[in-house]
Structure formats: structure tokens, C-alpha cells
């Protein structure tokens, strides 16, 4: 498998995940739409949690809008194909990462930024893999078109961290969280998901 290496990640996605996703494109598309909506919600949640920090609003408000634009792109594609957006059971990935976020500040803010960035980094890696392997030209084009913004998203979270914490502290905590993120994906979830 050609790996789309992303520095944030401790381990690349498996060939088993890619084969599962390619075999169930519609389910992955529906899940991806939900992921974009959730990513917008995370950006807004962080903005509202720390209202006294104007830097956050200037970065996270545009990010939330862009995530919603991606959601709308996916929704339009599903509608063109006569597919309704429907609820899907979530894999343990998101909840597992949420448990790693410390509850006390300032660790909570740092972990929240790093976890959001890790999710964006994994999304970027997996969209790149799918863009290169979808047999459907419309899906391949859509995913290729999303790559630049997905890379920018995890970069934004890194910039927010760098403005607030020493680099050595950032790297040490990112390595811990990235190892745990890779462990969450080590066993393939039975249902195809963008983060399974």
C-alpha cells in the first residue's frame, strides 16, 4: 500500500482498513459526512469553551465554516445519488481519544487541540489513500480536492499549540497521544468507517 505519511501519526493506516473502505464506499461517504459535521462542532466547542481568547475565534470560526462546507459537499453528493444521510453507529475511535483528554487546565486545552489535530491528520492520511484508489472518478476527485484543506486543518491546531506551550512539551504529549491513537486503530472495527 502506498502510505500517505503524516508526521503527526505514530503508525500508518492498514491495508485491511483501505480494502474495507473501498468495498463499502457509500457507508464510508455517509460516515465521512458525519465526521465533517462533528469536526465543525469541535471547532465551535473549543471557541466557546475559551471565549476570552480572541486568537481562537480568528482561527476556529473559519475552520468550522470550512468543515461545514465539506459536510455540504458530501451531502450534495449523497443526494445526487439518491442516498439519505442516516445515523451510523460510531466506532470506538472518537470516544477513546476523548478519554485521553485531561480534565484540568491547561492540560485540557492542550490535549483538546492535539486530539483534534490527530483526528484531522488521520483524516488527511485516509482521504489521500482513498483518493488514489477509488474506482469512482467523482469520489476520487472529491477526496483529492479535500486534501489541501485537511492538511491545513491539522496545521492550524499545531499553530494554536505552539503559541501556548513549549515545543518540547508539545512533542512529548503528541507522541503519547499519537501512540494511543494508533492503538485504537490497531484492531479493525467490523463496520467500515473513516476512523475505524
Protein backbone atom coordinates (compact mmCIF):
# COMPACT_ATOMS: atom_id res chain seq x y z
CA UNK A 1 0.00 0.00 0.00
CA UNK A 2 1.26 3.47 -0.80
CA UNK A 3 1.32 5.29 2.51
CA UNK A 4 0.43 8.94 2.79
CA UNK A 5 2.89 9.56 5.64
CA UNK A 6 1.73 12.22 8.07
CA UNK A 7 4.18 13.33 10.76
CA UNK A 8 1.54 13.55 13.47
CA UNK A 9 0.71 9.86 13.22
CA UNK A 10 2.55 7.09 15.07
CA UNK A 11 1.52 4.41 12.54
CA UNK A 12 0.04 4.37 9.03
CA UNK A 13 -3.42 3.04 8.25
CA UNK A 14 -3.55 -0.65 7.44
CA UNK A 15 -4.20 -2.22 4.08
CA UNK A 16 -7.09 -4.06 5.76
CA UNK A 17 -8.76 -0.72 6.55
CA UNK A 18 -8.28 0.52 2.99
CA UNK A 19 -9.72 -2.65 1.48
CA UNK A 20 -12.70 -2.49 3.85
CA UNK A 21 -13.35 1.17 2.98
CA UNK A 22 -13.05 0.58 -0.78
CA UNK A 23 -15.52 -2.30 -0.53
CA UNK A 24 -18.14 -0.07 1.19
CA UNK A 25 -17.90 3.38 -0.44
CA UNK A 26 -21.42 4.55 0.39
CA UNK A 27 -21.12 3.74 4.06
CA UNK A 28 -17.76 5.50 4.21
CA UNK A 29 -19.27 8.54 2.48
CA UNK A 30 -22.13 8.72 4.98
CA UNK A 31 -19.68 8.37 7.86
CA UNK A 32 -17.38 10.97 6.33
CA UNK A 33 -20.29 13.45 6.18
CA UNK A 34 -20.90 12.87 9.89
CA UNK A 35 -17.17 13.36 10.59
CA UNK A 36 -17.14 16.75 8.84
CA UNK A 37 -20.16 17.87 10.84
CA UNK A 38 -18.53 16.71 14.08
CA UNK A 39 -15.28 18.49 13.19
CA UNK A 40 -17.19 21.75 12.79
CA UNK A 41 -18.77 21.13 16.19
CA UNK A 42 -15.39 20.54 17.83
CA UNK A 43 -14.03 23.83 16.47
CA UNK A 44 -17.08 25.71 17.75
CA UNK A 45 -16.99 23.94 21.11
CA UNK A 46 -13.37 24.96 21.64
CA UNK A 47 -14.14 28.53 20.63
CA UNK A 48 -16.99 28.74 23.14
CA UNK A 49 -15.06 26.97 25.90
CA UNK A 50 -12.34 29.64 25.81
CA UNK A 51 -14.23 32.86 24.93
CA UNK A 52 -11.60 35.21 26.40
CA UNK A 53 -9.03 34.08 23.81
CA UNK A 54 -9.61 36.14 20.63
CA UNK A 55 -6.93 34.19 18.76
CA UNK A 56 -9.10 31.07 18.97
CA UNK A 57 -12.09 32.75 17.37
CA UNK A 58 -10.00 34.07 14.49
CA UNK A 59 -8.68 30.56 13.74
CA UNK A 60 -11.57 28.28 14.71
CA UNK A 61 -14.52 30.20 13.26
CA UNK A 62 -13.23 29.93 9.65
CA UNK A 63 -12.26 26.31 10.34
CA UNK A 64 -15.80 25.47 11.47
CA UNK A 65 -17.23 27.11 8.34
CA UNK A 66 -14.91 25.12 6.10
CA UNK A 67 -15.80 21.86 7.84
CA UNK A 68 -19.48 22.64 7.25
CA UNK A 69 -18.75 23.36 3.58
CA UNK A 70 -17.19 19.91 3.31
CA UNK A 71 -20.24 18.43 5.02
CA UNK A 72 -22.46 20.18 2.46
CA UNK A 73 -20.32 18.86 -0.42
CA UNK A 74 -20.70 15.31 0.84
CA UNK A 75 -24.41 15.79 1.49
CA UNK A 76 -24.92 17.07 -2.06
CA UNK A 77 -23.05 14.08 -3.48
CA UNK A 78 -25.17 11.67 -1.45
CA UNK A 79 -28.36 13.42 -2.55
CA UNK A 80 -27.32 13.29 -6.23
CA UNK A 81 -27.01 9.54 -5.79
CA UNK A 82 -30.37 9.22 -4.05
CA UNK A 83 -28.82 8.34 -0.68
CA UNK A 84 -30.17 9.75 2.55
CA UNK A 85 -27.87 10.78 5.36
CA UNK A 86 -28.65 8.38 8.17
CA UNK A 87 -27.26 7.70 11.61
CA UNK A 88 -24.40 5.23 11.85
CA UNK A 89 -23.09 3.53 14.95
CA UNK A 90 -19.86 5.26 15.91
CA UNK A 91 -16.65 3.26 16.16
CA UNK A 92 -14.76 3.46 19.47
CA UNK A 93 -12.17 5.83 17.97
CA UNK A 94 -13.62 9.23 18.97
CA UNK A 95 -14.73 8.17 22.44
CA UNK A 96 -11.36 6.50 23.02
CA UNK A 97 -9.50 9.69 22.13
CA UNK A 98 -11.85 11.82 24.25
CA UNK A 99 -10.96 9.71 27.30
CA UNK A 100 -7.30 10.69 26.88
CA UNK A 101 -8.01 14.41 27.29
CA UNK A 102 -7.02 15.60 30.73
CA UNK A 103 -9.78 17.28 32.74
CA UNK A 104 -7.76 20.05 34.37
CA UNK A 105 -6.49 23.16 32.61
CA UNK A 106 -4.13 23.91 30.97
CA UNK A 107 -3.70 20.23 30.08
CA UNK A 108 -7.29 20.03 28.91
CA UNK A 109 -6.78 22.74 26.30
CA UNK A 110 -3.51 21.27 25.05
CA UNK A 111 -4.96 17.77 24.78
CA UNK A 112 -8.11 19.06 23.10
CA UNK A 113 -6.04 20.79 20.41
CA UNK A 114 -3.77 17.79 19.93
CA UNK A 115 -6.61 15.27 19.75
CA UNK A 116 -8.46 17.45 17.23
CA UNK A 117 -5.25 17.73 15.23
CA UNK A 118 -4.65 13.97 15.36
CA UNK A 119 -8.14 13.31 14.02
CA UNK A 120 -7.53 15.80 11.20
CA UNK A 121 -4.15 14.22 10.45
CA UNK A 122 -5.70 10.74 10.26
CA UNK A 123 -8.47 12.08 8.04
CA UNK A 124 -5.89 13.63 5.71
CA UNK A 125 -3.93 10.39 5.51
CA UNK A 126 -7.02 8.31 4.80
CA UNK A 127 -8.51 10.73 2.27
CA UNK A 128 -5.20 10.60 0.39
CA UNK A 129 -5.30 6.80 0.37
CA UNK A 130 -8.90 6.75 -0.85
CA UNK A 131 -8.34 9.48 -3.45
CA UNK A 132 -5.64 7.34 -5.01
CA UNK A 133 -7.71 4.15 -5.01
CA UNK A 134 -11.39 5.00 -5.56
CA UNK A 135 -12.55 3.49 -8.85
CA UNK A 136 -15.32 6.11 -8.99
CA UNK A 137 -13.86 9.28 -10.61
CA UNK A 138 -16.28 11.59 -8.78
CA UNK A 139 -15.26 10.21 -5.39
CA UNK A 140 -11.57 10.28 -6.28
CA UNK A 141 -11.87 13.90 -7.40
CA UNK A 142 -13.81 14.96 -4.32
CA UNK A 143 -11.32 13.37 -1.95
CA UNK A 144 -8.31 14.74 -3.83
CA UNK A 145 -9.91 18.18 -3.62
CA UNK A 146 -10.29 17.95 0.15
CA UNK A 147 -6.65 17.07 0.84
CA UNK A 148 -5.20 20.58 0.95
CA UNK A 149 -7.73 21.85 3.45
CA UNK A 150 -7.43 18.72 5.62
CA UNK A 151 -3.66 19.25 5.82
CA UNK A 152 -4.22 22.89 6.74
CA UNK A 153 -6.64 21.87 9.49
CA UNK A 154 -4.19 19.82 11.50
CA UNK A 155 -1.60 22.52 10.88
CA UNK A 156 -3.92 25.09 12.45
CA UNK A 157 -4.22 23.03 15.61
CA UNK A 158 -0.43 22.75 15.77
CA UNK A 159 -0.05 26.52 15.43
CA UNK A 160 -2.55 27.05 18.25
CA UNK A 161 -0.46 24.73 20.43
CA UNK A 162 2.86 26.34 19.51
CA UNK A 163 1.56 29.77 20.52
CA UNK A 164 0.77 28.50 24.02
CA UNK A 165 3.23 25.73 25.03
CA UNK A 166 6.95 24.99 24.73
CA UNK A 167 7.78 22.77 21.75
CA UNK A 168 9.34 20.02 23.90
CA UNK A 169 6.13 19.72 25.92
CA UNK A 170 4.05 19.64 22.77
CA UNK A 171 6.09 16.94 21.12
CA UNK A 172 6.17 14.76 24.23
CA UNK A 173 2.39 14.92 24.68
CA UNK A 174 1.72 14.47 20.96
CA UNK A 175 3.86 11.32 20.94
CA UNK A 176 1.83 9.89 23.85
CA UNK A 177 -1.50 10.71 22.21
CA UNK A 178 -0.39 9.53 18.76
CA UNK A 179 0.69 6.16 20.19
CA UNK A 180 -2.72 5.78 21.85
CA UNK A 181 -4.47 6.83 18.62
CA UNK A 182 -2.59 4.18 16.64
CA UNK A 183 -3.50 1.59 19.27
CA UNK A 184 -7.20 2.45 18.91
CA UNK A 185 -6.94 1.66 15.19
CA UNK A 186 -4.80 -1.47 15.58
CA UNK A 187 -7.86 -3.72 15.61
CA UNK A 188 -10.07 -3.13 12.58
CA UNK A 189 -13.62 -2.19 13.51
CA UNK A 190 -16.14 -4.55 11.86
CA UNK A 191 -18.12 -1.70 10.31
CA UNK A 192 -16.43 0.44 7.65
CA UNK A 193 -15.84 3.96 8.91
CA UNK A 194 -13.44 6.77 8.08
CA UNK A 195 -11.91 6.29 11.53
CA UNK A 196 -12.30 2.56 12.21
